[in-house]
Amino acid sequence: MNKAEKSEQFDLEALRKQVSDIHRRDEGVDETVQPEPINAYARQIAEQFSTGNRSPAIIIGQFRLFEFASQFLVGLLAFLIWPGNGGETLAGRAIAAIVVAALLVSALQTADTYSIPALRARMRLLPRVLAVWASVFLIVTAASVLSGNIGWAQPQAYLAWFIAGAIVLLAARLLTAYGIRNWSRNGIMERRAVIVGGGAPAKELIRILEQQPDNDIRICGIFDDRGEKRSPIMVAGYPKLGTVAELVEFVRITRIDMLIISLPLSAEARILQLLKKLWVLPVDIRLAAHANRLRFRPRAYSHIGSVPMLDIFNKPIRDWDSVAKRCFDIVFTLLALALLWPIMLATAIAIKVTSKGPVFFMQNRHGFNNEIIRIFKFRSMYADKGDPTGRAAVTKGDPRVTPVGRFIRKSSIDELPQLFNVLKGDISLVGPRPHAILAQAKDRLFGDVVEGYFARHRVKPGVTGWAQINGWRGEVDHDDKIKFRTAYDLYYIENWSLWFDLKILFLTPFRLFNTENAY
């Protein structure tokens, strides 16, 4: 069977289903690759990309908001400076300005002027932007005249509004084009990608990406398990930094946006093997389809410039979703602190009065992308018997727990100081619970028990979560408990929405009455 015939057998939906089934299994050991320490050269490269970058989607969204707000303000200022014959009120102009600004942003979106290539184009798209502005302004003005909201006696005021709006619109576009070009040169605004798989396919992919006129992809390196005969140490000027096992650690210490698998579709088994190792990472995973003869429907692809990609996994809670979730966290955390501070104060006093030692207990736990974070809790154990590692789980009747500690653990009051972790940005209000680094089920680490356990860390952990709402909290004395907890956490990640967060937050106080496994 030749290569083309094998390619025809590739089934994209079947591959996606196989990958999705990875995190629904409840038997067997963890097949995901364990991260290995990266070599010195790869670490040196990683340090160059350890700082965050600006998401193009966020920049575009912010620019839309700016254009809406600026055009609204221009309309009001034009009225205050050139009020015409006094036949129009400030409230009437405000309504007209809102309509003009909203229609303008919608029309500019339809005209495809809200994209990174369009915003960095400088002069090329300015005639289109001016034509859209003129069309929207004339339509709204004519509608206002015909409806009797304004009269023909004040054309000077509206002409001033039109000219001022055009000047602001063009100036903003020119300045934004300059800013985007500058950010791109300095690496502030880019999508950072790692290519998985070397050789000729990777070389061809790199060449095509480099030829894109408005390419915002920064290739950070190549990772491949194959030896030098099949995968050279240098491909199209980019170094091979290590194996796939090292890639996992590389992504966890850098700010990478995308993994691009550069393998032919006929290598389905190899692709699936890679995905089993890489899906735990909080990045987009794309399969390059530029060199494959098999073609799917256009909507099956995303594109980087003109390069077709098959979307295998998307980074969860990204761009504006992450902004919305952060706003949600801050608002509801401040509300919770305003309501719960008497309970927290009383708990602190009770701990201090009944046992020696500090009020708070701090423990290292896994956070987003396996980062180590320090979690605040009310101290529930005797100060000389605490376990910062979390290796020895608290059991029923545990002598290490104080009388006050027993009550606050059952009621989950000991978790309330984590609200300050939320304000710091270490965790969210809702998400997979952060586990201690050495937490175990019997004598095995959680990551050794559950396949894909570390995929829980693709989002920030939370004070409460979907697993806890469904009763999976407290002691983990059996493998099934951490397996089911992980399954619920992964369901939450795949189905996240603000309404889902609100539902979990609302149910949390009621489900705390179930103290069966809380000791």
Protein backbone atom coordinates (compact mmCIF):
# COMPACT_ATOMS: atom_id res chain seq x y z
CA MET A 1 0.00 0.00 0.00
CA ASN A 2 1.50 3.31 -1.07
CA LYS A 3 1.61 6.52 0.96
CA ALA A 4 -1.37 8.09 -0.82
CA GLU A 5 -3.53 5.03 -0.14
CA LYS A 6 -2.59 5.07 3.52
CA SER A 7 -3.45 8.77 3.70
CA GLU A 8 -6.92 8.05 2.36
CA GLN A 9 -7.54 5.82 5.36
CA PHE A 10 -6.97 8.61 7.86
CA ASP A 11 -10.09 9.34 9.90
CA LEU A 12 -9.93 12.69 11.69
CA GLU A 13 -13.04 12.11 13.79
CA ALA A 14 -11.83 8.68 14.86
CA LEU A 15 -8.51 10.17 15.94
CA ARG A 16 -10.24 12.86 17.97
CA LYS A 17 -12.44 10.23 19.61
CA GLN A 18 -9.44 8.12 20.52
CA VAL A 19 -7.71 11.12 22.06
CA SER A 20 -10.88 12.13 23.94
CA ASP A 21 -11.11 8.62 25.36
CA ILE A 22 -7.69 9.05 26.96
CA HIS A 23 -9.06 11.01 29.89
CA ARG A 24 -12.16 8.86 30.35
CA ARG A 25 -10.31 5.66 31.16
CA ASP A 26 -10.26 4.45 34.73
CA GLU A 27 -7.87 1.51 34.45
CA GLY A 28 -4.16 1.07 33.87
CA VAL A 29 -1.17 3.18 34.73
CA ASP A 30 -0.46 6.66 33.54
CA GLU A 31 0.70 6.51 29.91
CA THR A 32 1.37 10.24 29.68
CA VAL A 33 5.02 10.99 29.46
CA GLN A 34 6.75 12.03 32.65
CA PRO A 35 8.66 15.29 32.18
CA GLU A 36 12.42 15.00 32.05
CA PRO A 37 14.89 17.72 33.00
CA ILE A 38 15.70 19.63 29.84
CA ASN A 39 19.26 19.96 28.60
CA ALA A 40 21.28 23.11 29.22
CA TYR A 41 20.84 24.48 25.70
CA ALA A 42 17.06 24.00 25.77
CA ARG A 43 16.90 25.71 29.15
CA GLN A 44 18.85 28.66 27.76
CA ILE A 45 16.31 28.95 24.92
CA ALA A 46 13.44 28.57 27.38
CA GLU A 47 14.66 31.52 29.42
CA GLN A 48 14.17 33.75 26.37
CA PHE A 49 10.47 32.90 26.35
CA SER A 50 9.80 32.79 30.10
CA THR A 51 7.95 36.12 30.14
CA GLY A 52 4.39 36.48 28.95
CA ASN A 53 3.34 37.92 25.63
CA ARG A 54 0.28 39.84 24.47
CA SER A 55 -2.48 37.79 22.92
CA PRO A 56 -3.54 39.02 19.45
CA ALA A 57 -7.17 38.26 20.35
CA ILE A 58 -6.93 40.48 23.44
CA ILE A 59 -5.29 43.30 21.46
CA ILE A 60 -8.00 43.17 18.79
CA GLY A 61 -10.75 43.15 21.42
CA GLN A 62 -9.22 46.09 23.25
CA PHE A 63 -8.96 48.01 19.99
CA ARG A 64 -12.64 47.38 19.23
CA LEU A 65 -13.56 48.77 22.64
CA PHE A 66 -11.30 51.77 22.10
CA GLU A 67 -12.86 52.60 18.73
CA PHE A 68 -16.36 52.31 20.17
CA ALA A 69 -15.54 54.53 23.17
CA SER A 70 -13.56 57.09 21.16
CA GLN A 71 -16.28 57.52 18.54
CA PHE A 72 -18.91 57.90 21.25
CA LEU A 73 -16.83 60.59 22.97
CA VAL A 74 -16.16 62.37 19.67
CA GLY A 75 -19.90 62.61 19.09
CA LEU A 76 -20.46 64.18 22.53
CA LEU A 77 -17.50 66.59 22.29
CA ALA A 78 -18.57 67.72 18.83
CA PHE A 79 -21.99 68.58 20.22
CA LEU A 80 -20.51 70.54 23.14
CA ILE A 81 -18.18 72.53 20.85
CA TRP A 82 -20.54 72.94 17.87
CA PRO A 83 -24.07 72.67 19.27
CA GLY A 84 -25.72 73.87 16.03
CA ASN A 85 -28.97 75.80 16.44
CA GLY A 86 -29.84 74.28 19.81
CA GLY A 87 -32.48 71.97 18.36
CA GLU A 88 -30.74 68.86 19.66
CA THR A 89 -30.27 67.82 23.30
CA LEU A 90 -27.20 66.24 24.84
CA ALA A 91 -29.23 63.09 25.59
CA GLY A 92 -30.33 62.90 21.94
CA ARG A 93 -26.74 63.27 20.73
CA ALA A 94 -25.58 60.61 23.22
CA ILE A 95 -28.10 58.13 21.80
CA ALA A 96 -27.05 58.98 18.26
CA ALA A 97 -23.36 58.67 19.18
CA ILE A 98 -23.92 55.21 20.72
CA VAL A 99 -25.75 54.02 17.62
CA VAL A 100 -23.05 55.41 15.30
CA ALA A 101 -20.23 53.87 17.35
CA ALA A 102 -21.92 50.45 17.60
CA LEU A 103 -22.77 50.33 13.89
CA LEU A 104 -19.26 51.48 12.99
CA VAL A 105 -17.57 48.68 14.96
CA SER A 106 -19.99 46.12 13.49
CA ALA A 107 -19.42 47.40 9.95
CA LEU A 108 -15.64 47.44 10.38
CA GLN A 109 -15.82 43.85 11.62
CA THR A 110 -17.87 42.87 8.53
CA ALA A 111 -15.34 44.67 6.33
CA ASP A 112 -12.57 42.48 7.81
CA THR A 113 -10.56 45.31 9.34
CA TYR A 114 -10.25 43.74 12.80
CA SER A 115 -7.37 41.32 12.35
CA ILE A 116 -3.68 41.60 13.06
CA PRO A 117 -2.73 41.78 9.33
CA ALA A 118 -5.40 44.47 8.78
CA LEU A 119 -4.35 46.53 11.80
CA ARG A 120 -0.67 46.47 10.90
CA ALA A 121 -1.31 47.35 7.21
CA ARG A 122 -0.97 51.14 7.72
CA MET A 123 -2.20 52.87 4.56
CA ARG A 124 -3.55 49.94 2.54
CA LEU A 125 -6.90 49.61 4.33
CA LEU A 126 -7.47 53.25 5.29
CA PRO A 127 -9.69 53.96 2.24
CA ARG A 128 -11.89 51.02 3.25
CA VAL A 129 -12.07 52.30 6.85
CA LEU A 130 -13.03 55.80 5.66
CA ALA A 131 -15.68 54.40 3.32
CA VAL A 132 -17.22 52.42 6.18
CA TRP A 133 -17.21 55.48 8.44
CA ALA A 134 -18.84 57.65 5.79
CA SER A 135 -21.52 55.04 5.03
CA VAL A 136 -22.43 54.48 8.68
CA PHE A 137 -22.46 58.19 9.49
CA LEU A 138 -24.63 59.10 6.50
CA ILE A 139 -27.11 56.30 7.16
CA VAL A 140 -27.57 57.24 10.83
CA THR A 141 -27.74 60.97 10.06
CA ALA A 142 -30.30 60.47 7.29
CA ALA A 143 -32.40 58.24 9.54
CA SER A 144 -32.29 60.89 12.30
CA VAL A 145 -33.37 63.63 9.88
CA LEU A 146 -36.21 61.59 8.43
CA SER A 147 -37.46 60.65 11.88
CA GLY A 148 -37.45 64.32 12.97
CA ASN A 149 -34.84 63.91 15.72
CA ILE A 150 -32.58 66.54 14.12
CA GLY A 151 -33.20 69.30 11.60
CA TRP A 152 -31.45 70.43 8.45
CA ALA A 153 -30.52 73.71 10.14
CA GLN A 154 -27.46 72.30 11.92
CA PRO A 155 -25.24 70.76 9.20
CA GLN A 156 -22.17 72.51 10.60
CA ALA A 157 -22.41 70.59 13.86
CA TYR A 158 -22.73 67.24 12.07
CA LEU A 159 -19.98 68.04 9.58
CA ALA A 160 -17.67 68.79 12.53
CA TRP A 161 -18.64 65.45 14.08
CA PHE A 162 -17.92 63.59 10.82
CA ILE A 163 -14.51 65.23 10.29
CA ALA A 164 -13.43 64.81 13.92
CA GLY A 165 -14.53 61.16 13.90
CA ALA A 166 -12.58 60.48 10.70
CA ILE A 167 -9.43 62.09 12.11
CA VAL A 168 -9.62 60.06 15.34
CA LEU A 169 -10.33 56.88 13.39
CA LEU A 170 -7.37 57.31 11.04
CA ALA A 171 -4.98 58.45 13.78
CA ALA A 172 -5.88 55.45 15.94
CA ARG A 173 -5.32 53.06 13.03
CA LEU A 174 -1.93 54.55 12.15
CA LEU A 175 -0.72 54.51 15.76
CA THR A 176 -1.96 50.94 16.26
CA ALA A 177 -0.17 49.79 13.09
CA TYR A 178 3.05 51.30 14.42
CA GLY A 179 2.51 49.68 17.83
CA ILE A 180 1.80 46.23 16.40
CA ARG A 181 4.88 46.32 14.20
CA ASN A 182 7.00 47.42 17.15
CA TRP A 183 5.51 44.72 19.44
CA SER A 184 6.12 42.09 16.78
CA ARG A 185 9.78 43.07 16.45
CA ASN A 186 10.27 43.04 20.21
CA GLY A 187 8.47 39.73 20.75
CA ILE A 188 5.72 41.32 22.86
CA MET A 189 2.94 40.34 20.48
CA GLU A 190 3.45 36.97 18.87
CA ARG A 191 2.21 33.41 18.98
CA ARG A 192 4.98 31.17 20.19
CA ALA A 193 5.06 27.73 18.65
CA VAL A 194 7.08 24.55 19.02
CA ILE A 195 7.25 22.04 16.16
CA VAL A 196 6.93 18.39 17.13
CA GLY A 197 8.66 16.16 14.59
CA GLY A 198 11.67 17.02 12.45
CA GLY A 199 13.02 16.13 9.06
CA ALA A 200 11.67 17.19 5.67
CA PRO A 201 8.04 17.83 6.77
CA ALA A 202 9.21 20.25 9.47
CA LYS A 203 11.57 21.99 7.05
CA GLU A 204 8.79 22.51 4.51
CA LEU A 205 6.43 23.81 7.20
CA ILE A 206 8.98 26.32 8.48
CA ARG A 207 9.69 27.62 4.99
CA ILE A 208 6.00 28.15 4.28
CA LEU A 209 5.44 29.93 7.60
CA GLU A 210 8.41 32.22 7.00
CA GLN A 211 7.01 33.21 3.61
CA GLN A 212 3.73 34.44 5.10
CA PRO A 213 3.58 38.26 4.66
CA ASP A 214 2.00 38.89 8.07
CA ASN A 215 3.36 35.97 10.04
CA ASP A 216 2.98 36.34 13.82
CA ILE A 217 4.32 32.87 14.64
CA ARG A 218 7.63 32.68 16.50
CA ILE A 219 9.12 29.19 16.21
CA CYS A 220 10.88 28.49 19.49
CA GLY A 221 12.43 25.15 18.57
CA ILE A 222 11.89 21.59 17.43
CA PHE A 223 11.41 18.46 19.54
CA ASP A 224 11.60 14.93 18.20
CA ASP A 225 12.31 11.48 19.64
CA ARG A 226 13.98 10.21 16.48
CA GLY A 227 17.73 10.03 16.01
CA GLU A 228 19.87 12.31 13.88
CA LYS A 229 19.60 10.13 10.75
CA ARG A 230 15.85 10.70 10.49
CA SER A 231 15.68 14.00 12.36
CA PRO A 232 18.70 16.33 11.97
CA ILE A 233 19.78 18.49 14.88
CA MET A 234 19.18 21.61 12.77
CA VAL A 235 16.13 22.09 10.52
CA ALA A 236 15.78 25.23 8.38
CA GLY A 237 17.96 27.13 10.83
CA TYR A 238 16.08 26.01 13.95
CA PRO A 239 17.68 23.63 16.49
CA LYS A 240 16.26 20.37 17.72
CA LEU A 241 16.09 21.06 21.46
CA GLY A 242 15.32 17.58 22.75
CA THR A 243 12.85 14.74 23.01
CA VAL A 244 9.10 14.85 23.53
CA ALA A 245 9.63 14.08 27.22
CA GLU A 246 11.82 17.18 27.47
CA LEU A 247 9.19 19.16 25.56
CA VAL A 248 6.71 18.68 28.40
CA GLU A 249 9.12 20.31 30.84
CA PHE A 250 10.08 22.99 28.28
CA VAL A 251 6.45 24.08 27.86
CA ARG A 252 5.96 24.18 31.62
CA ILE A 253 8.77 26.69 32.16
CA THR A 254 8.06 28.88 29.15
CA ARG A 255 5.09 30.76 27.73
CA ILE A 256 4.29 28.67 24.66
CA ASP A 257 1.01 29.13 22.82
CA MET A 258 0.98 26.30 20.30
CA LEU A 259 2.40 22.88 19.47
CA ILE A 260 2.42 22.07 15.76
CA ILE A 261 2.77 18.38 14.94
CA SER A 262 4.57 18.08 11.63
CA LEU A 263 3.84 14.51 10.60
CA PRO A 264 1.96 13.07 7.62
CA LEU A 265 -1.65 12.05 8.29
CA SER A 266 -0.70 8.50 7.34
CA ALA A 267 1.31 8.28 10.58
CA GLU A 268 -1.89 8.00 12.61
CA ALA A 269 -0.45 5.66 15.23
CA ARG A 270 2.52 7.96 15.83
CA ILE A 271 0.27 11.02 16.03
CA LEU A 272 -1.96 9.34 18.59
CA GLN A 273 1.10 8.33 20.61
CA LEU A 274 2.27 11.94 20.69
CA LEU A 275 -1.15 13.27 21.66
CA LYS A 276 -1.31 10.87 24.60
CA LYS A 277 1.84 12.52 25.88
CA LEU A 278 1.06 16.15 25.08
CA TRP A 279 -2.65 16.72 25.69
CA VAL A 280 -2.01 17.47 29.39
CA LEU A 281 -0.34 20.78 28.44
CA PRO A 282 -2.35 24.06 28.42
CA VAL A 283 -1.59 24.93 24.79
CA ASP A 284 -3.20 24.70 21.38
CA ILE A 285 -2.24 21.50 19.58
CA ARG A 286 -2.40 21.64 15.81
CA LEU A 287 -1.67 19.06 13.14
CA ALA A 288 -0.07 20.62 10.06
CA ALA A 289 -1.97 19.59 6.94
CA HIS A 290 -0.10 21.55 4.27
CA ALA A 291 1.67 18.55 2.74
CA ASN A 292 -1.21 16.07 2.76
CA ARG A 293 -3.13 15.15 -0.35
CA LEU A 294 -6.24 14.23 1.64
CA ARG A 295 -8.55 17.22 2.05
CA PHE A 296 -11.46 17.74 4.43
CA ARG A 297 -14.24 20.29 4.31
CA PRO A 298 -12.94 23.89 4.66
CA ARG A 299 -14.50 24.34 8.10
CA ALA A 300 -12.42 21.40 9.39
CA TYR A 301 -9.31 23.57 9.16
CA SER A 302 -7.94 26.59 10.90
CA HIS A 303 -5.18 28.56 9.20
CA ILE A 304 -1.92 30.23 10.07
CA GLY A 305 -1.72 32.57 7.14
CA SER A 306 -2.38 30.22 4.25
CA VAL A 307 -1.14 27.09 6.06
CA PRO A 308 -4.03 24.70 6.85
CA MET A 309 -4.07 23.16 10.32
CA LEU A 310 -6.29 20.53 11.91
CA ASP A 311 -7.30 21.62 15.41
CA ILE A 312 -6.75 18.70 17.79
CA PHE A 313 -6.88 20.49 21.16
CA ASN A 314 -7.53 24.11 22.11
CA LYS A 315 -6.15 25.79 25.18
CA PRO A 316 -9.02 26.02 27.69
CA ILE A 317 -10.28 29.32 29.15
CA ARG A 318 -8.24 31.55 26.87
CA ASP A 319 -8.11 35.21 25.86
CA TRP A 320 -11.34 37.05 26.78
CA ASP A 321 -12.69 34.00 28.62
CA SER A 322 -9.74 34.28 30.99
CA VAL A 323 -10.43 38.00 31.44
CA ALA A 324 -14.09 37.30 32.22
CA LYS A 325 -13.15 34.55 34.69
CA ARG A 326 -10.64 36.83 36.42
CA CYS A 327 -13.28 39.57 36.80
CA PHE A 328 -15.69 36.94 38.13
CA ASP A 329 -13.08 35.82 40.69
CA ILE A 330 -12.35 39.32 41.95
CA VAL A 331 -16.00 40.40 42.27
CA PHE A 332 -17.20 37.29 44.08
CA THR A 333 -14.08 37.01 46.24
CA LEU A 334 -14.52 40.56 47.53
CA LEU A 335 -18.20 39.79 48.17
CA ALA A 336 -17.27 36.59 50.03
CA LEU A 337 -14.71 38.43 52.19
CA ALA A 338 -17.28 41.10 53.02
CA LEU A 339 -19.73 38.41 54.19
CA LEU A 340 -17.36 35.93 55.81
CA TRP A 341 -14.84 38.11 57.63
CA PRO A 342 -16.56 37.61 61.06
CA ILE A 343 -16.25 33.82 60.66
CA MET A 344 -12.63 34.15 59.62
CA LEU A 345 -11.84 36.43 62.55
CA ALA A 346 -13.54 34.09 65.03
CA THR A 347 -11.67 31.11 63.58
CA ALA A 348 -8.33 32.89 63.89
CA ILE A 349 -9.03 33.72 67.54
CA ALA A 350 -10.13 30.15 68.32
CA ILE A 351 -6.98 28.68 66.77
CA LYS A 352 -4.71 31.08 68.62
CA VAL A 353 -6.40 30.53 71.99
CA THR A 354 -6.63 26.72 71.89
CA SER A 355 -3.20 25.71 70.54
CA LYS A 356 0.31 27.07 70.19
CA GLY A 357 1.58 28.13 66.80
CA PRO A 358 0.64 30.38 63.90
CA VAL A 359 -2.93 30.93 62.78
CA PHE A 360 -2.20 30.14 59.15
CA PHE A 361 -0.65 27.10 57.55
CA MET A 362 1.06 27.37 54.15
CA GLN A 363 1.60 24.46 51.82
CA ASN A 364 3.18 24.04 48.39
CA ARG A 365 0.74 22.72 45.82
CA HIS A 366 0.45 22.30 42.09
CA GLY A 367 -1.01 25.30 40.29
CA PHE A 368 -1.62 26.18 36.65
CA ASN A 369 0.68 24.29 34.27
CA ASN A 370 2.27 22.47 37.24
CA GLU A 371 3.70 25.68 38.71
CA ILE A 372 4.35 25.49 42.44
CA ILE A 373 2.13 27.83 44.47
CA ARG A 374 1.83 28.44 48.20
CA ILE A 375 -1.69 27.95 49.48
CA PHE A 376 -3.02 29.63 52.64
CA LYS A 377 -5.14 27.67 55.10
CA PHE A 378 -6.20 28.03 58.70
CA ARG A 379 -3.97 25.75 60.76
CA SER A 380 -5.95 22.67 61.75
CA MET A 381 -3.13 20.53 63.21
CA TYR A 382 -0.84 20.91 66.17
CA ALA A 383 2.07 23.09 65.06
CA ASP A 384 4.71 20.39 65.67
CA LYS A 385 2.73 17.69 63.82
CA GLY A 386 1.90 19.44 60.57
CA ASP A 387 2.81 17.89 57.22
CA PRO A 388 3.82 20.55 54.68
CA THR A 389 4.43 17.89 52.02
CA GLY A 390 0.89 16.47 52.14
CA ARG A 391 2.29 12.95 51.84
CA ALA A 392 0.52 11.70 54.98
CA ALA A 393 -3.18 12.39 54.41
CA VAL A 394 -5.43 13.18 57.33
CA THR A 395 -7.55 10.19 58.34
CA LYS A 396 -10.58 9.74 60.56
CA GLY A 397 -9.68 10.42 64.19
CA ASP A 398 -6.20 11.61 63.22
CA PRO A 399 -4.39 12.62 66.48
CA ARG A 400 -2.52 15.38 64.66
CA VAL A 401 -5.73 17.42 64.25
CA THR A 402 -6.74 19.83 67.03
CA PRO A 403 -10.33 19.96 68.33
CA VAL A 404 -10.86 23.30 66.57
CA GLY A 405 -9.13 21.90 63.51
CA ARG A 406 -11.54 18.97 63.37
CA PHE A 407 -14.50 21.34 63.18
CA ILE A 408 -13.06 23.72 60.62
CA ARG A 409 -11.93 20.83 58.42
CA LYS A 410 -15.38 19.24 58.39
CA SER A 411 -17.02 22.58 57.62
CA SER A 412 -14.24 23.58 55.14
CA ILE A 413 -13.70 26.82 57.07
CA ASP A 414 -9.99 26.00 56.99
CA GLU A 415 -10.05 26.71 53.24
CA LEU A 416 -11.34 30.30 53.54
CA PRO A 417 -7.88 31.97 53.59
CA GLN A 418 -7.50 30.73 50.02
CA LEU A 419 -9.68 33.68 49.07
CA PHE A 420 -6.48 35.72 49.42
CA ASN A 421 -4.80 33.33 46.97
CA VAL A 422 -7.61 34.16 44.55
CA LEU A 423 -6.96 37.88 44.87
CA LYS A 424 -3.23 37.23 44.28
CA GLY A 425 -4.14 35.38 41.08
CA ASP A 426 -2.61 32.05 42.12
CA ILE A 427 -5.94 30.24 41.96
CA SER A 428 -9.56 30.86 40.94
CA LEU A 429 -12.74 30.62 42.97
CA VAL A 430 -13.84 27.63 40.91
CA GLY A 431 -11.57 25.01 39.39
CA PRO A 432 -9.87 21.69 40.14
CA ARG A 433 -8.74 21.65 43.75
CA PRO A 434 -4.98 22.17 44.15
CA HIS A 435 -3.37 19.05 45.56
CA ALA A 436 -0.19 18.87 47.58
CA ILE A 437 2.85 18.04 45.48
CA LEU A 438 3.41 14.69 47.17
CA ALA A 439 -0.25 13.81 47.73
CA GLN A 440 -0.82 10.06 47.55
CA ALA A 441 -3.52 7.45 47.25
CA LYS A 442 -2.23 4.86 49.68
CA ASP A 443 1.43 4.60 48.70
CA ARG A 444 1.31 5.95 45.12
CA LEU A 445 1.42 9.53 43.91
CA PHE A 446 -1.78 10.72 42.22
CA GLY A 447 0.05 11.09 38.92
CA ASP A 448 1.04 7.40 39.05
CA VAL A 449 -2.55 6.33 39.67
CA VAL A 450 -4.50 8.30 37.09
CA GLU A 451 -3.77 8.50 33.40
CA GLY A 452 -3.72 12.14 32.36
CA TYR A 453 -3.82 13.37 35.97
CA PHE A 454 -1.75 16.47 35.18
CA ALA A 455 -4.30 17.60 32.60
CA ARG A 456 -6.15 19.01 35.62
CA HIS A 457 -3.51 21.74 35.62
CA ARG A 458 -4.44 23.14 32.20
CA VAL A 459 -6.46 25.75 34.12
CA LYS A 460 -5.93 27.46 37.45
CA PRO A 461 -7.00 25.41 40.48
CA GLY A 462 -9.95 26.60 42.54
CA VAL A 463 -11.19 27.02 46.09
CA THR A 464 -14.15 24.83 45.15
CA GLY A 465 -14.82 22.65 42.14
CA TRP A 466 -17.17 20.32 40.29
CA ALA A 467 -15.61 17.24 41.90
CA GLN A 468 -16.22 18.61 45.41
CA ILE A 469 -19.82 19.51 44.52
CA ASN A 470 -20.36 15.87 43.55
CA GLY A 471 -18.98 14.52 46.83
CA TRP A 472 -15.36 13.81 45.87
CA ARG A 473 -13.60 15.62 48.68
CA GLY A 474 -11.58 14.70 51.72
CA GLU A 475 -9.41 11.63 52.25
CA VAL A 476 -8.16 9.69 49.22
CA ASP A 477 -7.76 6.16 50.58
CA HIS A 478 -8.58 4.31 47.36
CA ASP A 479 -7.48 4.67 43.75
CA ASP A 480 -11.05 5.13 42.53
CA LYS A 481 -11.46 8.28 44.61
CA ILE A 482 -8.71 10.17 42.82
CA LYS A 483 -9.78 8.69 39.47
CA PHE A 484 -13.34 9.95 39.85
CA ARG A 485 -12.13 13.30 41.20
CA THR A 486 -9.88 13.73 38.17
CA ALA A 487 -12.70 12.71 35.80
CA TYR A 488 -14.99 15.39 37.26
CA ASP A 489 -12.20 17.97 37.06
CA LEU A 490 -11.60 17.20 33.39
CA TYR A 491 -15.33 17.42 32.70
CA TYR A 492 -15.32 20.89 34.26
CA ILE A 493 -12.40 22.01 32.07
CA GLU A 494 -14.04 20.76 28.88
CA ASN A 495 -17.42 22.32 29.69
CA TRP A 496 -16.40 25.55 31.41
CA SER A 497 -18.58 28.63 31.29
CA LEU A 498 -19.29 31.50 33.67
CA TRP A 499 -22.74 30.01 34.27
CA PHE A 500 -21.09 26.71 35.23
CA ASP A 501 -18.85 28.58 37.69
CA LEU A 502 -21.87 30.38 39.13
CA LYS A 503 -23.74 27.09 39.54
CA ILE A 504 -20.81 25.50 41.39
CA LEU A 505 -20.39 28.57 43.59
CA PHE A 506 -24.10 28.58 44.45
CA LEU A 507 -24.16 24.85 45.30
CA THR A 508 -20.98 24.87 47.39
CA PRO A 509 -22.48 26.00 50.74
CA PHE A 510 -25.24 23.36 50.49
CA ARG A 511 -22.93 20.50 49.53
CA LEU A 512 -20.61 21.27 52.46
CA PHE A 513 -23.17 19.60 54.71
CA ASN A 514 -21.91 16.29 53.27
CA THR A 515 -18.94 15.71 55.59
CA GLU A 516 -18.62 11.96 55.02
CA ASN A 517 -15.01 12.07 53.80
CA ALA A 518 -13.87 15.30 55.51
CA TYR A 519 -11.78 14.64 58.62
